[in-house]
Amino acid sequence: MTTVTYQLSSFEFRDYRLTDREWVATVSVDHYTRIEGFDPSFAKAVSTALDLLEARNDEEASRFLIVETVETRRPVGCVFLSADEPTTGRLRLFYLDAAYRGLGIGRRMIEEVIAHAEAQGFERIRVSTYDRHEAACRLYRNLGFREQARKPALAFGQQMHQIEFEKTLPDYSR
C-alpha cells in the first residue's frame, strides 16, 4: 500500500461559485446517504440549504469556502458561514472528502471562517451536528466551540442526538 502525504500548500482555499453547487450537493448527498444511511429526504434538505445560502452569497458577513487541490483543481471540501442574527454566524454544510481528513485541512477551513466572522464583528458562531459525527464534534471542541444543547432527533430516517455548539469570539472593540 502506498501512502501519500499532502501539505496544506497543496490546497487552495477559494470563494464558492454557483458552479460549485452541483459538486457540493452531489458529495454531500452521496456521503450522507451511502455512509451515514440518511434517507432520500436529505437531498431536499441540502438543496433547500443551498438555496438559502446562495441568496446570501453577496452579503459581506457571509464566507462560503471551497477547498480544492492545486494539482487537479478538483474541489475536496466546503464550509459555509452566514449570519444567523446580526451578531451571530452559523456554519453549514461542512464537508471534506474522506481521503483528505486528518491532515489539518478541516481545521484550517474552520479557522478561516472563524477569522472572517471575527473580522465581521460577530460575537459568536453556532453549528448544529449529530453525535455520530464524532470527528466533527471533536474538531469543534478543539477549536473552542462549547456544547450548548443535545437532544434526541429522528432526522433523515436515523435516530441520533442533535448537538448545538457555540463559540464565543473575542471582542476587539474594548
Protein backbone atom coordinates (compact mmCIF):
# COMPACT_ATOMS: atom_id res chain seq x y z
CA MET A 1 0.00 0.00 0.00
CA THR A 2 1.35 3.42 -0.97
CA THR A 3 0.98 6.30 1.47
CA VAL A 4 0.51 9.76 0.02
CA THR A 5 1.46 12.77 2.12
CA TYR A 6 -0.13 16.16 1.45
CA GLN A 7 0.90 19.60 2.60
CA LEU A 8 -1.54 22.45 3.15
CA SER A 9 0.23 24.23 0.29
CA SER A 10 -1.20 21.52 -1.99
CA PHE A 11 -4.66 23.04 -1.47
CA GLU A 12 -6.26 26.33 -2.39
CA PHE A 13 -8.96 27.97 -0.32
CA ARG A 14 -11.27 30.00 -2.53
CA ASP A 15 -14.74 31.53 -2.58
CA TYR A 16 -17.74 29.42 -3.50
CA ARG A 17 -19.04 29.86 -7.03
CA LEU A 18 -22.53 28.98 -8.22
CA THR A 19 -20.88 26.39 -10.47
CA ASP A 20 -19.78 24.56 -7.26
CA ARG A 21 -23.39 23.84 -6.30
CA GLU A 22 -23.63 20.53 -8.15
CA TRP A 23 -20.40 19.27 -6.54
CA VAL A 24 -21.50 20.33 -3.02
CA ALA A 25 -24.91 18.70 -3.42
CA THR A 26 -23.56 15.51 -5.02
CA VAL A 27 -20.79 14.79 -2.49
CA SER A 28 -22.96 15.72 0.49
CA VAL A 29 -25.87 13.56 -0.59
CA ASP A 30 -23.62 10.68 -1.63
CA HIS A 31 -21.69 10.66 1.64
CA TYR A 32 -24.64 11.02 3.97
CA THR A 33 -26.88 8.52 2.18
CA ARG A 34 -24.20 5.91 1.43
CA ILE A 35 -22.04 6.20 4.57
CA GLU A 36 -24.43 7.60 7.19
CA GLY A 37 -27.58 5.84 5.98
CA PHE A 38 -29.62 9.03 5.62
CA ASP A 39 -32.83 8.63 3.65
CA PRO A 40 -33.68 10.44 0.37
CA SER A 41 -35.15 13.45 2.25
CA PHE A 42 -31.56 14.56 2.88
CA ALA A 43 -31.17 15.55 -0.79
CA LYS A 44 -34.06 18.00 -0.45
CA ALA A 45 -32.56 19.41 2.77
CA VAL A 46 -29.23 20.05 1.03
CA SER A 47 -30.95 21.70 -1.92
CA THR A 48 -33.01 23.94 0.38
CA ALA A 49 -29.90 24.87 2.40
CA LEU A 50 -28.01 25.78 -0.78
CA ASP A 51 -30.95 27.90 -1.99
CA LEU A 52 -30.95 29.82 1.30
CA LEU A 53 -27.17 30.21 1.34
CA GLU A 54 -26.89 31.29 -2.28
CA ALA A 55 -29.43 34.03 -1.60
CA ARG A 56 -26.90 35.37 0.95
CA ASN A 57 -23.76 34.81 -1.11
CA ASP A 58 -23.20 38.53 -1.75
CA GLU A 59 -23.58 39.56 1.89
CA GLU A 60 -20.29 40.81 3.31
CA ALA A 61 -20.85 38.81 6.51
CA SER A 62 -21.00 35.54 4.56
CA ARG A 63 -17.95 33.40 3.83
CA PHE A 64 -18.55 30.42 1.59
CA LEU A 65 -15.33 28.47 1.24
CA ILE A 66 -14.31 25.78 -1.23
CA VAL A 67 -11.06 23.86 -0.88
CA GLU A 68 -9.55 22.34 -3.99
CA THR A 69 -6.32 20.59 -4.83
CA VAL A 70 -3.76 22.82 -6.53
CA GLU A 71 -2.71 19.99 -8.84
CA THR A 72 -6.13 18.94 -10.18
CA ARG A 73 -8.28 22.00 -9.32
CA ARG A 74 -10.83 19.50 -8.03
CA PRO A 75 -12.91 20.53 -5.01
CA VAL A 76 -12.38 18.39 -1.92
CA GLY A 77 -14.09 20.41 0.81
CA CYS A 78 -16.56 23.14 1.65
CA VAL A 79 -17.92 25.12 4.56
CA PHE A 80 -20.44 27.95 4.64
CA LEU A 81 -20.72 30.79 7.17
CA SER A 82 -23.64 33.21 7.14
CA ALA A 83 -25.31 35.49 9.65
CA ASP A 84 -27.91 33.79 11.82
CA GLU A 85 -28.55 37.03 13.69
CA PRO A 86 -26.78 40.40 13.41
CA THR A 87 -24.02 39.32 15.84
CA THR A 88 -24.13 35.55 15.32
CA GLY A 89 -22.81 33.45 12.47
CA ARG A 90 -23.76 29.89 11.62
CA LEU A 91 -21.65 27.18 9.99
CA ARG A 92 -23.39 24.96 7.49
CA LEU A 93 -22.61 22.15 5.05
CA PHE A 94 -19.11 21.45 6.36
CA TYR A 95 -17.66 18.62 4.27
CA LEU A 96 -14.21 17.26 3.48
CA ASP A 97 -13.51 14.23 1.25
CA ALA A 98 -12.50 11.23 3.37
CA ALA A 99 -9.11 10.95 1.63
CA TYR A 100 -8.12 14.37 3.00
CA ARG A 101 -9.34 14.05 6.59
CA GLY A 102 -6.84 14.01 9.43
CA LEU A 103 -4.38 16.29 7.62
CA GLY A 104 -5.35 19.59 9.25
CA ILE A 105 -7.36 20.79 6.25
CA GLY A 106 -10.73 20.70 8.03
CA ARG A 107 -9.24 22.60 10.97
CA ARG A 108 -7.82 25.21 8.61
CA MET A 109 -11.22 25.55 6.89
CA ILE A 110 -12.99 26.26 10.18
CA GLU A 111 -10.20 28.62 11.32
CA GLU A 112 -10.61 30.53 8.06
CA VAL A 113 -14.33 31.14 8.61
CA ILE A 114 -13.75 31.96 12.30
CA ALA A 115 -11.26 34.65 11.26
CA HIS A 116 -13.82 36.03 8.79
CA ALA A 117 -16.52 36.05 11.49
CA GLU A 118 -14.21 37.93 13.85
CA ALA A 119 -13.40 40.48 11.13
CA GLN A 120 -17.14 40.97 10.55
CA GLY A 121 -17.71 41.70 14.24
CA PHE A 122 -19.66 38.56 15.08
CA GLU A 123 -19.83 37.83 18.80
CA ARG A 124 -20.39 34.10 18.36
CA ILE A 125 -20.61 31.27 15.85
CA ARG A 126 -23.05 28.38 16.07
CA VAL A 127 -23.11 25.00 14.38
CA SER A 128 -25.51 22.06 14.60
CA THR A 129 -24.42 18.49 14.03
CA TYR A 130 -25.21 14.98 15.14
CA ASP A 131 -23.44 12.87 17.76
CA ARG A 132 -22.46 10.24 15.17
CA HIS A 133 -20.19 12.83 13.51
CA GLU A 134 -17.54 12.26 16.15
CA ALA A 135 -14.60 13.74 14.23
CA ALA A 136 -16.52 16.96 13.51
CA CYS A 137 -17.62 17.21 17.16
CA ARG A 138 -14.01 16.71 18.29
CA LEU A 139 -12.79 19.38 15.85
CA TYR A 140 -15.39 21.89 17.02
CA ARG A 141 -14.45 21.25 20.67
CA ASN A 142 -10.74 21.58 19.89
CA LEU A 143 -11.43 24.95 18.25
CA GLY A 144 -13.22 26.29 21.32
CA PHE A 145 -16.84 25.51 20.49
CA ARG A 146 -18.87 24.55 23.55
CA GLU A 147 -21.83 22.21 23.55
CA GLN A 148 -24.99 24.20 24.30
CA ALA A 149 -27.67 21.55 23.83
CA ARG A 150 -28.06 17.87 22.98
CA LYS A 151 -31.40 16.33 22.17
CA PRO A 152 -32.68 13.12 20.61
CA ALA A 153 -33.70 13.56 16.99
CA LEU A 154 -35.17 11.43 14.26
CA ALA A 155 -33.58 13.00 11.20
CA PHE A 156 -33.33 11.67 7.66
CA GLY A 157 -34.55 8.26 8.81
CA GLN A 158 -31.93 7.94 11.55
CA GLN A 159 -32.27 8.12 15.31
CA MET A 160 -29.45 10.36 16.58
CA HIS A 161 -28.74 13.15 19.03
CA GLN A 162 -28.57 16.65 17.59
CA ILE A 163 -25.83 18.73 19.18
CA GLU A 164 -25.77 22.53 19.16
CA PHE A 165 -22.29 24.06 19.52
CA GLU A 166 -21.40 27.70 20.04
CA LYS A 167 -18.09 29.56 20.07
CA THR A 168 -17.77 32.98 21.66
CA LEU A 169 -15.47 35.22 19.67
CA PRO A 170 -13.04 37.79 21.08
CA ASP A 171 -14.35 41.32 21.49
CA TYR A 172 -11.78 43.59 19.88
CA SER A 173 -13.81 46.76 20.46
CA ARG A 174 -12.63 47.15 24.08
